[in-house]
Amino acid sequence: MYDENHQQISESPMNTKAATDNRNFWFRISSEIEIPNNTKKIEIIFYNPDQRKAAFKIDQLLGRPLHSLFVQEDLNLKKRMYNNHLIDLK
């Protein structure tokens, strides 16, 4: 995270190998981060320390206040998401 002078003010590393929440080879990585009030830019960097070929795809990226509820619904697909957890509708 960077301030208005482009100085780094915070860092919040996340390790995808620690993901324990998955569904049909869709992995959910979750982390609580504190964003300082003077943050003007958030930069997301994907790092592969093994230097081996790696492929990844991000299809959902959700940033939300800690105690909020985010709901996304697609009635045509009969799917609903609560805080990025997919629920099949019957």
C-alpha atoms as a PDB file:
ATOM      1  CA  MET A   1       0.000   0.000   0.000  1.00  0.00           C
ATOM      2  CA  TYR A   2       1.277   3.417  -0.912  1.00  0.00           C
ATOM      3  CA  ASP A   3       0.616   6.971   0.211  1.00  0.00           C
ATOM      4  CA  GLU A   4       0.127  10.047  -1.971  1.00  0.00           C
ATOM      5  CA  ASN A   5       3.936  10.432  -2.271  1.00  0.00           C
ATOM      6  CA  HIS A   6       4.213   6.889  -3.687  1.00  0.00           C
ATOM      7  CA  GLN A   7       5.961   5.705  -0.506  1.00  0.00           C
ATOM      8  CA  GLN A   8       5.153   2.201   0.663  1.00  0.00           C
ATOM      9  CA  ILE A   9       3.340   2.416   3.994  1.00  0.00           C
ATOM     10  CA  SER A  10       2.120  -1.149   4.500  1.00  0.00           C
ATOM     11  CA  GLU A  11       2.473  -4.696   3.206  1.00  0.00           C
ATOM     12  CA  SER A  12       0.207  -7.731   3.653  1.00  0.00           C
ATOM     13  CA  PRO A  13       1.674 -10.923   2.146  1.00  0.00           C
ATOM     14  CA  MET A  14      -0.675 -13.850   1.423  1.00  0.00           C
ATOM     15  CA  ASN A  15       0.427 -17.359   0.530  1.00  0.00           C
ATOM     16  CA  THR A  16      -1.804 -19.220  -1.913  1.00  0.00           C
ATOM     17  CA  LYS A  17      -0.403 -22.545  -0.667  1.00  0.00           C
ATOM     18  CA  ALA A  18      -2.253 -21.877   2.589  1.00  0.00           C
ATOM     19  CA  ALA A  19      -5.654 -21.989   0.837  1.00  0.00           C
ATOM     20  CA  THR A  20      -7.958 -24.488   2.549  1.00  0.00           C
ATOM     21  CA  ASP A  21     -11.235 -23.370   0.984  1.00  0.00           C
ATOM     22  CA  ASN A  22     -11.814 -24.888  -2.465  1.00  0.00           C
ATOM     23  CA  ARG A  23     -14.593 -26.082  -4.730  1.00  0.00           C
ATOM     24  CA  ASN A  24     -14.128 -27.843  -8.069  1.00  0.00           C
ATOM     25  CA  PHE A  25     -10.495 -26.732  -8.285  1.00  0.00           C
ATOM     26  CA  TRP A  26     -11.496 -23.138  -7.461  1.00  0.00           C
ATOM     27  CA  PHE A  27      -9.383 -21.972  -4.535  1.00  0.00           C
ATOM     28  CA  ARG A  28     -10.356 -19.148  -2.213  1.00  0.00           C
ATOM     29  CA  ILE A  29      -7.613 -17.275  -0.433  1.00  0.00           C
ATOM     30  CA  SER A  30      -8.824 -15.033   2.334  1.00  0.00           C
ATOM     31  CA  SER A  31      -7.002 -12.525   4.478  1.00  0.00           C
ATOM     32  CA  GLU A  32      -7.856  -9.644   6.738  1.00  0.00           C
ATOM     33  CA  ILE A  33      -5.794  -6.548   6.042  1.00  0.00           C
ATOM     34  CA  GLU A  34      -5.803  -3.163   7.662  1.00  0.00           C
ATOM     35  CA  ILE A  35      -5.691  -0.304   5.183  1.00  0.00           C
ATOM     36  CA  PRO A  36      -4.141   2.839   6.659  1.00  0.00           C
ATOM     37  CA  ASN A  37      -6.207   6.017   6.265  1.00  0.00           C
ATOM     38  CA  ASN A  38      -3.530   7.672   4.138  1.00  0.00           C
ATOM     39  CA  THR A  39      -3.512   4.863   1.541  1.00  0.00           C
ATOM     40  CA  LYS A  40      -3.856   6.170  -2.018  1.00  0.00           C
ATOM     41  CA  LYS A  41      -2.862   3.058  -3.994  1.00  0.00           C
ATOM     42  CA  ILE A  42      -2.988  -0.687  -3.420  1.00  0.00           C
ATOM     43  CA  GLU A  43      -0.694  -2.811  -5.548  1.00  0.00           C
ATOM     44  CA  ILE A  44      -1.165  -6.566  -5.922  1.00  0.00           C
ATOM     45  CA  ILE A  45       1.949  -8.508  -6.916  1.00  0.00           C
ATOM     46  CA  PHE A  46       1.978 -12.194  -7.816  1.00  0.00           C
ATOM     47  CA  TYR A  47       5.289 -13.780  -6.986  1.00  0.00           C
ATOM     48  CA  ASN A  48       6.499 -17.231  -7.994  1.00  0.00           C
ATOM     49  CA  PRO A  49       9.561 -17.994  -5.841  1.00  0.00           C
ATOM     50  CA  ASP A  50      10.238 -21.324  -7.608  1.00  0.00           C
ATOM     51  CA  GLN A  51      10.791 -19.589 -10.965  1.00  0.00           C
ATOM     52  CA  ARG A  52       8.927 -22.478 -12.595  1.00  0.00           C
ATOM     53  CA  LYS A  53       6.227 -21.899 -15.140  1.00  0.00           C
ATOM     54  CA  ALA A  54       3.035 -21.091 -13.312  1.00  0.00           C
ATOM     55  CA  ALA A  55      -0.465 -20.334 -14.477  1.00  0.00           C
ATOM     56  CA  PHE A  56      -3.214 -18.688 -12.523  1.00  0.00           C
ATOM     57  CA  LYS A  57      -6.506 -17.032 -13.172  1.00  0.00           C
ATOM     58  CA  ILE A  58      -8.365 -14.586 -11.006  1.00  0.00           C
ATOM     59  CA  ASP A  59     -12.072 -14.535 -11.639  1.00  0.00           C
ATOM     60  CA  GLN A  60     -13.209 -12.884  -8.403  1.00  0.00           C
ATOM     61  CA  LEU A  61     -11.406 -10.326  -6.287  1.00  0.00           C
ATOM     62  CA  LEU A  62     -13.389  -8.961  -3.372  1.00  0.00           C
ATOM     63  CA  GLY A  63     -12.386  -6.198  -1.029  1.00  0.00           C
ATOM     64  CA  ARG A  64     -14.981  -5.326   1.589  1.00  0.00           C
ATOM     65  CA  PRO A  65     -15.276  -3.926   5.093  1.00  0.00           C
ATOM     66  CA  LEU A  66     -14.692  -6.666   7.676  1.00  0.00           C
ATOM     67  CA  HIS A  67     -18.225  -7.011   9.046  1.00  0.00           C
ATOM     68  CA  SER A  68     -20.132  -6.438   5.814  1.00  0.00           C
ATOM     69  CA  LEU A  69     -22.036  -8.952   3.694  1.00  0.00           C
ATOM     70  CA  PHE A  70     -21.534  -9.044  -0.077  1.00  0.00           C
ATOM     71  CA  VAL A  71     -24.176 -10.882  -2.122  1.00  0.00           C
ATOM     72  CA  GLN A  72     -23.973 -11.546  -5.856  1.00  0.00           C
ATOM     73  CA  GLU A  73     -26.741 -13.409  -7.644  1.00  0.00           C
ATOM     74  CA  ASP A  74     -27.245 -14.819 -11.140  1.00  0.00           C
ATOM     75  CA  LEU A  75     -30.734 -16.292 -11.450  1.00  0.00           C
ATOM     76  CA  ASN A  76     -30.082 -17.516 -15.007  1.00  0.00           C
ATOM     77  CA  LEU A  77     -27.195 -19.676 -13.797  1.00  0.00           C
ATOM     78  CA  LYS A  78     -28.983 -20.425 -10.508  1.00  0.00           C
ATOM     79  CA  LYS A  79     -25.941 -19.302  -8.525  1.00  0.00           C
ATOM     80  CA  ARG A  80     -25.501 -16.988  -5.580  1.00  0.00           C
ATOM     81  CA  MET A  81     -22.367 -15.824  -3.787  1.00  0.00           C
ATOM     82  CA  TYR A  82     -22.106 -14.679  -0.200  1.00  0.00           C
ATOM     83  CA  ASN A  83     -18.725 -13.045   0.521  1.00  0.00           C
ATOM     84  CA  ASN A  84     -17.243 -15.012  -2.400  1.00  0.00           C
ATOM     85  CA  HIS A  85     -18.673 -18.369  -1.265  1.00  0.00           C
ATOM     86  CA  LEU A  86     -20.626 -19.934  -4.136  1.00  0.00           C
ATOM     87  CA  ILE A  87     -24.076 -21.380  -3.397  1.00  0.00           C
ATOM     88  CA  ASP A  88     -26.072 -23.376  -5.954  1.00  0.00           C
ATOM     89  CA  LEU A  89     -29.759 -22.469  -6.045  1.00  0.00           C
ATOM     90  CA  LYS A  90     -32.216 -25.293  -6.560  1.00  0.00           C
END
